[in-house]
Amino acid sequence: MLSKTKLTTILSSVVALIPVAIYLFLYSKMPDRVPIHYDGNMADRFVSKSSLEVILHSGLGCLGLIIMKLLQFLLQKAFIQSSNGHSAALSRVWNIAILVVTVVFAGISSYTFIRMV
């Protein structure tokens, strides 16, 4: 049986990869030049749909997951002795935080890809 931490990591990883899948699915439907920045509701900067910026944008969910996992690792190493009594509660909080940040980053990325079509 999977632990809650492993289950959250798997779920976060799947969520993080959704924008990549959306990008690959919508790539052929996207115009050659896509909006990459908006000033309010008006697009004010365009790039090629195969530009590095667009490809990196598809990885925002993965970036959020990596940053949160790295932060969790560093904080666990820094406070390992002081948090022994609260490690289960801290683990639950971190699992939720990791999932929330990943969902937010992936959501932003997914939304912008859908608007590009």
N, C-alpha and C. Protein backbone atom coordinates (compact mmCIF):
# COMPACT_ATOMS: atom_id res chain seq x y z
N MET A 1 0.84 -1.19 0.00
CA MET A 1 0.00 0.00 0.00
C MET A 1 0.89 1.25 0.00
N LEU A 2 0.47 2.26 -0.75
CA LEU A 2 1.25 3.49 -0.86
C LEU A 2 1.05 4.36 0.37
N SER A 3 2.14 4.98 0.81
CA SER A 3 2.01 5.95 1.89
C SER A 3 1.37 7.22 1.35
N LYS A 4 0.88 8.05 2.26
CA LYS A 4 0.24 9.29 1.84
C LYS A 4 1.23 10.21 1.13
N THR A 5 2.47 10.20 1.58
CA THR A 5 3.50 11.03 0.95
C THR A 5 3.74 10.58 -0.48
N LYS A 6 3.88 9.27 -0.71
CA LYS A 6 4.11 8.77 -2.06
C LYS A 6 2.90 9.02 -2.95
N LEU A 7 1.71 8.84 -2.40
CA LEU A 7 0.49 9.08 -3.16
C LEU A 7 0.39 10.55 -3.57
N THR A 8 0.71 11.45 -2.64
CA THR A 8 0.69 12.89 -2.94
C THR A 8 1.74 13.23 -3.99
N THR A 9 2.90 12.63 -3.89
CA THR A 9 3.96 12.88 -4.87
C THR A 9 3.54 12.40 -6.26
N ILE A 10 2.93 11.23 -6.32
CA ILE A 10 2.47 10.71 -7.61
C ILE A 10 1.37 11.61 -8.18
N LEU A 11 0.41 11.99 -7.35
CA LEU A 11 -0.66 12.86 -7.79
C LEU A 11 -0.12 14.21 -8.26
N SER A 12 0.82 14.78 -7.49
CA SER A 12 1.43 16.06 -7.87
C SER A 12 2.19 15.93 -9.18
N SER A 13 2.87 14.82 -9.38
CA SER A 13 3.61 14.61 -10.63
C SER A 13 2.67 14.53 -11.83
N VAL A 14 1.55 13.84 -11.66
CA VAL A 14 0.57 13.75 -12.74
C VAL A 14 0.02 15.14 -13.06
N VAL A 15 -0.33 15.90 -12.02
CA VAL A 15 -0.85 17.25 -12.22
C VAL A 15 0.20 18.13 -12.90
N ALA A 16 1.46 17.99 -12.50
CA ALA A 16 2.54 18.80 -13.07
C ALA A 16 2.73 18.52 -14.56
N LEU A 17 2.43 17.31 -14.99
CA LEU A 17 2.63 16.94 -16.40
C LEU A 17 1.44 17.29 -17.29
N ILE A 18 0.32 17.69 -16.71
CA ILE A 18 -0.86 18.04 -17.50
C ILE A 18 -0.57 19.17 -18.49
N PRO A 19 0.10 20.29 -18.08
CA PRO A 19 0.38 21.34 -19.07
C PRO A 19 1.28 20.86 -20.22
N VAL A 20 2.19 19.95 -19.94
CA VAL A 20 3.05 19.40 -20.99
C VAL A 20 2.18 18.63 -21.99
N ALA A 21 1.26 17.83 -21.47
CA ALA A 21 0.36 17.08 -22.34
C ALA A 21 -0.54 18.01 -23.15
N ILE A 22 -1.04 19.06 -22.52
CA ILE A 22 -1.88 20.03 -23.22
C ILE A 22 -1.09 20.70 -24.34
N TYR A 23 0.15 21.10 -24.04
CA TYR A 23 1.01 21.73 -25.05
C TYR A 23 1.21 20.80 -26.24
N LEU A 24 1.55 19.55 -25.96
CA LEU A 24 1.78 18.60 -27.05
C LEU A 24 0.50 18.34 -27.85
N PHE A 25 -0.62 18.25 -27.16
CA PHE A 25 -1.90 18.01 -27.83
C PHE A 25 -2.32 19.20 -28.69
N LEU A 26 -2.14 20.41 -28.17
CA LEU A 26 -2.60 21.61 -28.88
C LEU A 26 -1.58 22.18 -29.86
N TYR A 27 -0.37 21.66 -29.86
CA TYR A 27 0.71 22.23 -30.68
C TYR A 27 0.30 22.41 -32.14
N SER A 28 -0.29 21.39 -32.73
CA SER A 28 -0.65 21.48 -34.16
C SER A 28 -1.80 22.45 -34.40
N LYS A 29 -2.58 22.73 -33.38
CA LYS A 29 -3.71 23.64 -33.51
C LYS A 29 -3.34 25.10 -33.23
N MET A 30 -2.18 25.30 -32.63
CA MET A 30 -1.74 26.66 -32.28
C MET A 30 -1.30 27.41 -33.53
N PRO A 31 -1.52 28.73 -33.54
CA PRO A 31 -0.95 29.52 -34.64
C PRO A 31 0.57 29.52 -34.52
N ASP A 32 1.26 29.90 -35.59
CA ASP A 32 2.73 29.90 -35.57
C ASP A 32 3.28 30.85 -34.51
N ARG A 33 2.59 31.97 -34.31
CA ARG A 33 3.01 32.94 -33.28
C ARG A 33 1.91 32.99 -32.23
N VAL A 34 2.30 32.79 -30.98
CA VAL A 34 1.34 32.73 -29.89
C VAL A 34 1.60 33.86 -28.90
N PRO A 35 0.56 34.35 -28.23
CA PRO A 35 0.75 35.39 -27.23
C PRO A 35 1.44 34.81 -25.99
N ILE A 36 2.42 35.53 -25.49
CA ILE A 36 3.15 35.05 -24.32
C ILE A 36 3.01 36.01 -23.14
N HIS A 37 2.54 37.22 -23.41
CA HIS A 37 2.35 38.20 -22.33
C HIS A 37 1.13 39.05 -22.64
N TYR A 38 0.40 39.34 -21.58
CA TYR A 38 -0.82 40.15 -21.73
C TYR A 38 -0.72 41.40 -20.88
N ASP A 39 -1.22 42.50 -21.41
CA ASP A 39 -1.38 43.73 -20.65
C ASP A 39 -2.89 43.89 -20.44
N GLY A 40 -3.37 43.37 -19.34
CA GLY A 40 -4.81 43.30 -19.13
C GLY A 40 -5.36 42.18 -19.99
N ASN A 41 -6.31 42.49 -20.86
CA ASN A 41 -6.89 41.49 -21.76
C ASN A 41 -6.25 41.49 -23.13
N MET A 42 -5.32 42.40 -23.37
CA MET A 42 -4.72 42.55 -24.69
C MET A 42 -3.31 41.94 -24.71
N ALA A 43 -3.09 41.03 -25.67
CA ALA A 43 -1.75 40.44 -25.82
C ALA A 43 -0.80 41.51 -26.33
N ASP A 44 0.37 41.61 -25.68
CA ASP A 44 1.33 42.64 -26.10
C ASP A 44 2.70 42.07 -26.48
N ARG A 45 2.84 40.74 -26.45
CA ARG A 45 4.09 40.12 -26.89
C ARG A 45 3.78 38.73 -27.43
N PHE A 46 4.37 38.45 -28.59
CA PHE A 46 4.13 37.18 -29.27
C PHE A 46 5.47 36.49 -29.54
N VAL A 47 5.47 35.15 -29.50
CA VAL A 47 6.66 34.37 -29.82
C VAL A 47 6.23 33.17 -30.66
N SER A 48 7.20 32.50 -31.23
CA SER A 48 6.93 31.28 -31.99
C SER A 48 6.40 30.20 -31.04
N LYS A 49 5.49 29.37 -31.53
CA LYS A 49 4.91 28.33 -30.67
C LYS A 49 5.94 27.28 -30.27
N SER A 50 7.06 27.23 -30.96
CA SER A 50 8.12 26.28 -30.61
C SER A 50 9.29 26.95 -29.87
N SER A 51 9.07 28.18 -29.43
CA SER A 51 10.15 28.90 -28.74
C SER A 51 10.43 28.29 -27.37
N LEU A 52 11.61 28.55 -26.89
CA LEU A 52 12.02 28.05 -25.57
C LEU A 52 11.09 28.56 -24.47
N GLU A 53 10.62 29.79 -24.61
CA GLU A 53 9.71 30.36 -23.60
C GLU A 53 8.42 29.54 -23.48
N VAL A 54 7.87 29.15 -24.59
CA VAL A 54 6.63 28.38 -24.57
C VAL A 54 6.88 26.98 -24.02
N ILE A 55 7.98 26.37 -24.42
CA ILE A 55 8.32 25.04 -23.92
C ILE A 55 8.56 25.09 -22.41
N LEU A 56 9.30 26.09 -21.95
CA LEU A 56 9.53 26.23 -20.50
C LEU A 56 8.23 26.52 -19.76
N HIS A 57 7.34 27.26 -20.40
CA HIS A 57 6.05 27.57 -19.80
C HIS A 57 5.25 26.29 -19.53
N SER A 58 5.41 25.30 -20.40
CA SER A 58 4.70 24.04 -20.19
C SER A 58 5.23 23.29 -18.96
N GLY A 59 6.42 23.65 -18.52
CA GLY A 59 7.01 23.00 -17.36
C GLY A 59 6.79 23.71 -16.05
N LEU A 60 5.90 24.70 -16.00
CA LEU A 60 5.66 25.43 -14.75
C LEU A 60 5.20 24.52 -13.61
N GLY A 61 4.32 23.59 -13.92
CA GLY A 61 3.85 22.67 -12.89
C GLY A 61 4.99 21.83 -12.34
N CYS A 62 5.86 21.36 -13.23
CA CYS A 62 7.03 20.58 -12.80
C CYS A 62 7.96 21.45 -11.96
N LEU A 63 8.13 22.69 -12.35
CA LEU A 63 8.98 23.61 -11.60
C LEU A 63 8.43 23.82 -10.19
N GLY A 64 7.13 24.02 -10.08
CA GLY A 64 6.52 24.18 -8.76
C GLY A 64 6.73 22.96 -7.89
N LEU A 65 6.55 21.78 -8.47
CA LEU A 65 6.76 20.54 -7.72
C LEU A 65 8.21 20.39 -7.28
N ILE A 66 9.14 20.64 -8.17
CA ILE A 66 10.57 20.51 -7.84
C ILE A 66 10.97 21.49 -6.75
N ILE A 67 10.53 22.73 -6.86
CA ILE A 67 10.88 23.74 -5.85
C ILE A 67 10.33 23.34 -4.48
N MET A 68 9.08 22.90 -4.44
CA MET A 68 8.47 22.52 -3.16
C MET A 68 9.13 21.28 -2.56
N LYS A 69 9.46 20.29 -3.37
CA LYS A 69 10.14 19.09 -2.86
C LYS A 69 11.53 19.44 -2.35
N LEU A 70 12.23 20.31 -3.07
CA LEU A 70 13.56 20.74 -2.63
C LEU A 70 13.46 21.52 -1.32
N LEU A 71 12.50 22.42 -1.24
CA LEU A 71 12.30 23.19 -0.02
C LEU A 71 11.95 22.27 1.15
N GLN A 72 11.11 21.29 0.91
CA GLN A 72 10.76 20.33 1.95
C GLN A 72 12.00 19.58 2.43
N PHE A 73 12.81 19.12 1.50
CA PHE A 73 14.03 18.40 1.85
C PHE A 73 14.97 19.27 2.69
N LEU A 74 15.19 20.51 2.24
CA LEU A 74 16.10 21.40 2.96
C LEU A 74 15.59 21.74 4.36
N LEU A 75 14.30 22.00 4.47
CA LEU A 75 13.74 22.31 5.79
C LEU A 75 13.75 21.11 6.71
N GLN A 76 13.53 19.92 6.20
CA GLN A 76 13.61 18.72 7.02
C GLN A 76 15.02 18.52 7.54
N LYS A 77 16.01 18.76 6.71
CA LYS A 77 17.41 18.63 7.14
C LYS A 77 17.77 19.69 8.17
N ALA A 78 17.26 20.89 8.01
CA ALA A 78 17.60 21.99 8.92
C ALA A 78 16.93 21.83 10.28
N PHE A 79 15.73 21.29 10.32
CA PHE A 79 14.97 21.22 11.56
C PHE A 79 14.67 19.80 12.01
N ILE A 80 15.49 18.86 11.63
CA ILE A 80 15.22 17.46 11.92
C ILE A 80 15.13 17.18 13.43
N GLN A 81 15.99 17.80 14.23
CA GLN A 81 15.98 17.53 15.67
C GLN A 81 14.82 18.21 16.37
N SER A 82 14.45 19.40 15.95
CA SER A 82 13.41 20.14 16.65
C SER A 82 12.00 19.71 16.27
N SER A 83 11.84 18.94 15.19
CA SER A 83 10.50 18.60 14.73
C SER A 83 10.14 17.14 14.90
N ASN A 84 10.94 16.38 15.65
CA ASN A 84 10.67 14.95 15.78
C ASN A 84 9.27 14.66 16.30
N GLY A 85 8.78 15.43 17.25
CA GLY A 85 7.47 15.20 17.83
C GLY A 85 6.34 15.60 16.91
N HIS A 86 6.62 16.44 15.97
CA HIS A 86 5.57 16.96 15.07
C HIS A 86 5.76 16.52 13.63
N SER A 87 6.57 15.51 13.38
CA SER A 87 6.91 15.15 12.01
C SER A 87 5.71 14.68 11.19
N ALA A 88 4.77 13.96 11.79
CA ALA A 88 3.60 13.49 11.04
C ALA A 88 2.73 14.68 10.61
N ALA A 89 2.53 15.62 11.52
CA ALA A 89 1.71 16.80 11.19
C ALA A 89 2.41 17.65 10.14
N LEU A 90 3.71 17.84 10.28
CA LEU A 90 4.47 18.62 9.29
C LEU A 90 4.45 17.94 7.93
N SER A 91 4.54 16.64 7.91
CA SER A 91 4.50 15.91 6.65
C SER A 91 3.16 16.11 5.94
N ARG A 92 2.07 16.06 6.69
CA ARG A 92 0.74 16.28 6.09
C ARG A 92 0.63 17.69 5.53
N VAL A 93 1.10 18.68 6.29
CA VAL A 93 1.05 20.06 5.83
C VAL A 93 1.88 20.23 4.56
N TRP A 94 3.08 19.68 4.54
CA TRP A 94 3.93 19.79 3.36
C TRP A 94 3.32 19.10 2.16
N ASN A 95 2.73 17.93 2.38
CA ASN A 95 2.09 17.22 1.26
C ASN A 95 0.98 18.07 0.65
N ILE A 96 0.18 18.70 1.48
CA ILE A 96 -0.89 19.57 0.99
C ILE A 96 -0.31 20.78 0.27
N ALA A 97 0.72 21.39 0.86
CA ALA A 97 1.34 22.57 0.25
C ALA A 97 1.95 22.23 -1.11
N ILE A 98 2.61 21.09 -1.20
CA ILE A 98 3.22 20.67 -2.47
C ILE A 98 2.14 20.50 -3.54
N LEU A 99 1.07 19.84 -3.18
CA LEU A 99 -0.02 19.61 -4.13
C LEU A 99 -0.67 20.93 -4.56
N VAL A 100 -0.90 21.83 -3.60
CA VAL A 100 -1.54 23.12 -3.92
C VAL A 100 -0.66 23.95 -4.85
N VAL A 101 0.62 24.06 -4.54
CA VAL A 101 1.53 24.85 -5.39
C VAL A 101 1.62 24.24 -6.79
N THR A 102 1.71 22.93 -6.86
CA THR A 102 1.78 22.27 -8.16
C THR A 102 0.51 22.50 -8.97
N VAL A 103 -0.65 22.39 -8.31
CA VAL A 103 -1.92 22.62 -9.01
C VAL A 103 -2.01 24.06 -9.50
N VAL A 104 -1.59 25.02 -8.68
CA VAL A 104 -1.65 26.43 -9.09
C VAL A 104 -0.73 26.69 -10.29
N PHE A 105 0.51 26.25 -10.21
CA PHE A 105 1.45 26.46 -11.32
C PHE A 105 0.96 25.75 -12.59
N ALA A 106 0.51 24.51 -12.46
CA ALA A 106 0.02 23.77 -13.61
C ALA A 106 -1.26 24.41 -14.16
N GLY A 107 -2.09 24.92 -13.29
CA GLY A 107 -3.33 25.58 -13.72
C GLY A 107 -3.05 26.83 -14.53
N ILE A 108 -2.11 27.63 -14.06
CA ILE A 108 -1.73 28.85 -14.79
C ILE A 108 -1.22 28.48 -16.18
N SER A 109 -0.34 27.50 -16.23
CA SER A 109 0.24 27.08 -17.50
C SER A 109 -0.82 26.51 -18.42
N SER A 110 -1.67 25.64 -17.91
CA SER A 110 -2.73 25.04 -18.73
C SER A 110 -3.68 26.09 -19.27
N TYR A 111 -4.06 27.02 -18.43
CA TYR A 111 -4.99 28.09 -18.85
C TYR A 111 -4.40 28.90 -20.00
N THR A 112 -3.13 29.25 -19.91
CA THR A 112 -2.54 30.05 -20.97
C THR A 112 -2.43 29.27 -22.28
N PHE A 113 -2.16 27.97 -22.21
CA PHE A 113 -2.11 27.18 -23.44
C PHE A 113 -3.48 27.09 -24.10
N ILE A 114 -4.50 26.95 -23.30
CA ILE A 114 -5.84 26.88 -23.86
C ILE A 114 -6.22 28.21 -24.51
N ARG A 115 -5.77 29.33 -23.93
CA ARG A 115 -6.02 30.64 -24.53
C ARG A 115 -5.23 30.87 -25.81
N MET A 116 -4.15 30.14 -26.02
CA MET A 116 -3.31 30.33 -27.20
C MET A 116 -3.96 29.81 -28.47
N VAL A 117 -4.88 28.90 -28.33
CA VAL A 117 -5.48 28.26 -29.52
C VAL A 117 -6.49 29.16 -30.16
